[in-house]
Amino acid sequence: MIFCIVNAGFAQTVMESAKKAGAKGGTILRARGTANPEAEEFFNINIQSDKEILFIIVPTEIRDEVMRKIYEDAGLAEESQGITFSLPVTHTAGLH
């Protein structure tokens, strides 16, 4: 599962990027972020509190390409100031 956290209003940019790299879709949640001044200074960004978190399940074979495309289009250097990471999914229920 790929997780991506972006400033509010950029979830569609992330989903379009992920789909270009082979993802079929995802889930978007609204969130609020917190950060201390040290984190803002370390990443050299201003942290906006309103966020969107995307959950995108993809096959392992395309994970790196999807993450690369998301970071190119919505990474820390972009207005969306996105970060992305992945975690393995070992069990699911309710999917066919």
C-alpha atoms as a PDB file:
ATOM      1  CA  MET A   1       0.000   0.000   0.000  1.00  0.00           C
ATOM      2  CA  ILE A   2       1.260   3.411  -0.941  1.00  0.00           C
ATOM      3  CA  PHE A   3       0.497   6.266   1.400  1.00  0.00           C
ATOM      4  CA  CYS A   4       0.774   9.847   0.220  1.00  0.00           C
ATOM      5  CA  ILE A   5       0.267  12.957   2.330  1.00  0.00           C
ATOM      6  CA  VAL A   6      -0.235  16.248   0.477  1.00  0.00           C
ATOM      7  CA  ASN A   7      -1.526  19.723   1.159  1.00  0.00           C
ATOM      8  CA  ALA A   8      -5.312  20.006   0.829  1.00  0.00           C
ATOM      9  CA  GLY A   9      -6.488  20.322  -2.754  1.00  0.00           C
ATOM     10  CA  PHE A  10      -3.806  18.151  -4.362  1.00  0.00           C
ATOM     11  CA  ALA A  11      -5.266  14.655  -3.983  1.00  0.00           C
ATOM     12  CA  GLN A  12      -6.484  14.645  -7.584  1.00  0.00           C
ATOM     13  CA  THR A  13      -2.961  15.455  -8.807  1.00  0.00           C
ATOM     14  CA  VAL A  14      -1.651  12.444  -6.880  1.00  0.00           C
ATOM     15  CA  MET A  15      -4.373  10.122  -8.174  1.00  0.00           C
ATOM     16  CA  GLU A  16      -3.786  11.198 -11.779  1.00  0.00           C
ATOM     17  CA  SER A  17      -0.046  10.543 -11.374  1.00  0.00           C
ATOM     18  CA  ALA A  18      -0.643   7.153  -9.761  1.00  0.00           C
ATOM     19  CA  LYS A  19      -3.048   6.114 -12.524  1.00  0.00           C
ATOM     20  CA  LYS A  20      -0.533   7.120 -15.216  1.00  0.00           C
ATOM     21  CA  ALA A  21       1.896   4.686 -13.572  1.00  0.00           C
ATOM     22  CA  GLY A  22      -0.632   1.833 -13.445  1.00  0.00           C
ATOM     23  CA  ALA A  23      -2.662   2.264 -10.237  1.00  0.00           C
ATOM     24  CA  LYS A  24      -6.397   1.613 -10.561  1.00  0.00           C
ATOM     25  CA  GLY A  25      -7.628   3.989  -7.833  1.00  0.00           C
ATOM     26  CA  GLY A  26      -7.359   4.812  -4.180  1.00  0.00           C
ATOM     27  CA  THR A  27      -8.990   6.255  -1.091  1.00  0.00           C
ATOM     28  CA  ILE A  28      -8.668   9.883  -0.003  1.00  0.00           C
ATOM     29  CA  LEU A  29      -9.041  11.085   3.595  1.00  0.00           C
ATOM     30  CA  ARG A  30      -9.002  14.660   4.840  1.00  0.00           C
ATOM     31  CA  ALA A  31      -6.597  15.293   7.698  1.00  0.00           C
ATOM     32  CA  ARG A  32      -4.854  17.955   9.738  1.00  0.00           C
ATOM     33  CA  GLY A  33      -1.115  17.962  10.131  1.00  0.00           C
ATOM     34  CA  THR A  34       1.051  19.293  12.900  1.00  0.00           C
ATOM     35  CA  ALA A  35       4.705  20.157  12.826  1.00  0.00           C
ATOM     36  CA  ASN A  36       7.182  21.989  14.930  1.00  0.00           C
ATOM     37  CA  PRO A  37       9.428  24.764  13.612  1.00  0.00           C
ATOM     38  CA  GLU A  38      12.399  22.378  13.492  1.00  0.00           C
ATOM     39  CA  ALA A  39      10.605  20.127  10.993  1.00  0.00           C
ATOM     40  CA  GLU A  40       9.742  23.099   8.788  1.00  0.00           C
ATOM     41  CA  GLU A  41      13.353  24.260   8.897  1.00  0.00           C
ATOM     42  CA  PHE A  42      14.733  20.755   8.237  1.00  0.00           C
ATOM     43  CA  PHE A  43      12.563  20.231   5.134  1.00  0.00           C
ATOM     44  CA  ASN A  44      12.818  23.925   4.153  1.00  0.00           C
ATOM     45  CA  ILE A  45       9.025  24.191   3.707  1.00  0.00           C
ATOM     46  CA  ASN A  46       6.062  25.910   5.342  1.00  0.00           C
ATOM     47  CA  ILE A  47       3.732  23.241   6.670  1.00  0.00           C
ATOM     48  CA  GLN A  48       0.057  23.737   5.918  1.00  0.00           C
ATOM     49  CA  SER A  49      -2.220  22.166   8.505  1.00  0.00           C
ATOM     50  CA  ASP A  50      -4.979  20.978   6.104  1.00  0.00           C
ATOM     51  CA  LYS A  51      -3.890  17.737   4.431  1.00  0.00           C
ATOM     52  CA  GLU A  52      -5.191  14.930   2.281  1.00  0.00           C
ATOM     53  CA  ILE A  53      -3.974  11.365   2.781  1.00  0.00           C
ATOM     54  CA  LEU A  54      -4.222   8.870  -0.040  1.00  0.00           C
ATOM     55  CA  PHE A  55      -4.190   5.086   0.329  1.00  0.00           C
ATOM     56  CA  ILE A  56      -3.349   3.325  -2.935  1.00  0.00           C
ATOM     57  CA  ILE A  57      -3.015  -0.464  -3.135  1.00  0.00           C
ATOM     58  CA  VAL A  58      -0.878  -1.621  -6.056  1.00  0.00           C
ATOM     59  CA  PRO A  59       1.004  -4.792  -6.982  1.00  0.00           C
ATOM     60  CA  THR A  60       4.586  -4.852  -5.731  1.00  0.00           C
ATOM     61  CA  GLU A  61       5.818  -4.909  -9.330  1.00  0.00           C
ATOM     62  CA  ILE A  62       4.597  -1.356 -10.038  1.00  0.00           C
ATOM     63  CA  ARG A  63       5.013   0.155  -6.549  1.00  0.00           C
ATOM     64  CA  ASP A  64       8.309   1.923  -7.241  1.00  0.00           C
ATOM     65  CA  GLU A  65       7.114   3.394 -10.536  1.00  0.00           C
ATOM     66  CA  VAL A  66       3.885   4.678  -8.959  1.00  0.00           C
ATOM     67  CA  MET A  67       5.793   6.240  -6.074  1.00  0.00           C
ATOM     68  CA  ARG A  68       8.337   7.812  -8.439  1.00  0.00           C
ATOM     69  CA  LYS A  69       5.587   9.355 -10.591  1.00  0.00           C
ATOM     70  CA  ILE A  70       3.738  10.689  -7.534  1.00  0.00           C
ATOM     71  CA  TYR A  71       6.928  12.250  -6.181  1.00  0.00           C
ATOM     72  CA  GLU A  72       7.756  13.828  -9.554  1.00  0.00           C
ATOM     73  CA  ASP A  73       4.334  15.464  -9.789  1.00  0.00           C
ATOM     74  CA  ALA A  74       3.497  16.157  -6.140  1.00  0.00           C
ATOM     75  CA  GLY A  75       6.687  15.854  -4.071  1.00  0.00           C
ATOM     76  CA  LEU A  76       8.197  18.196  -1.501  1.00  0.00           C
ATOM     77  CA  ALA A  77       9.537  20.507  -4.220  1.00  0.00           C
ATOM     78  CA  GLU A  78       6.005  21.084  -5.567  1.00  0.00           C
ATOM     79  CA  GLU A  79       3.227  23.252  -4.131  1.00  0.00           C
ATOM     80  CA  SER A  80       1.518  20.101  -2.841  1.00  0.00           C
ATOM     81  CA  GLN A  81       4.577  19.396  -0.629  1.00  0.00           C
ATOM     82  CA  GLY A  82       3.783  15.689  -0.709  1.00  0.00           C
ATOM     83  CA  ILE A  83       5.542  12.802   0.924  1.00  0.00           C
ATOM     84  CA  THR A  84       4.969   9.185   0.000  1.00  0.00           C
ATOM     85  CA  PHE A  85       5.871   5.866   1.578  1.00  0.00           C
ATOM     86  CA  SER A  86       4.725   2.273   1.315  1.00  0.00           C
ATOM     87  CA  LEU A  87       3.962  -0.602   3.651  1.00  0.00           C
ATOM     88  CA  PRO A  88       3.302  -4.224   2.724  1.00  0.00           C
ATOM     89  CA  VAL A  89      -0.242  -5.568   2.764  1.00  0.00           C
ATOM     90  CA  THR A  90      -0.270  -9.143   3.974  1.00  0.00           C
ATOM     91  CA  HIS A  91      -3.990  -9.789   4.479  1.00  0.00           C
ATOM     92  CA  THR A  92      -7.192  -8.367   3.016  1.00  0.00           C
ATOM     93  CA  ALA A  93     -10.887  -9.052   3.484  1.00  0.00           C
ATOM     94  CA  GLY A  94     -13.833  -8.123   1.339  1.00  0.00           C
ATOM     95  CA  LEU A  95     -11.877  -7.908  -1.915  1.00  0.00           C
ATOM     96  CA  HIS A  96     -12.462 -10.235  -4.848  1.00  0.00           C
END
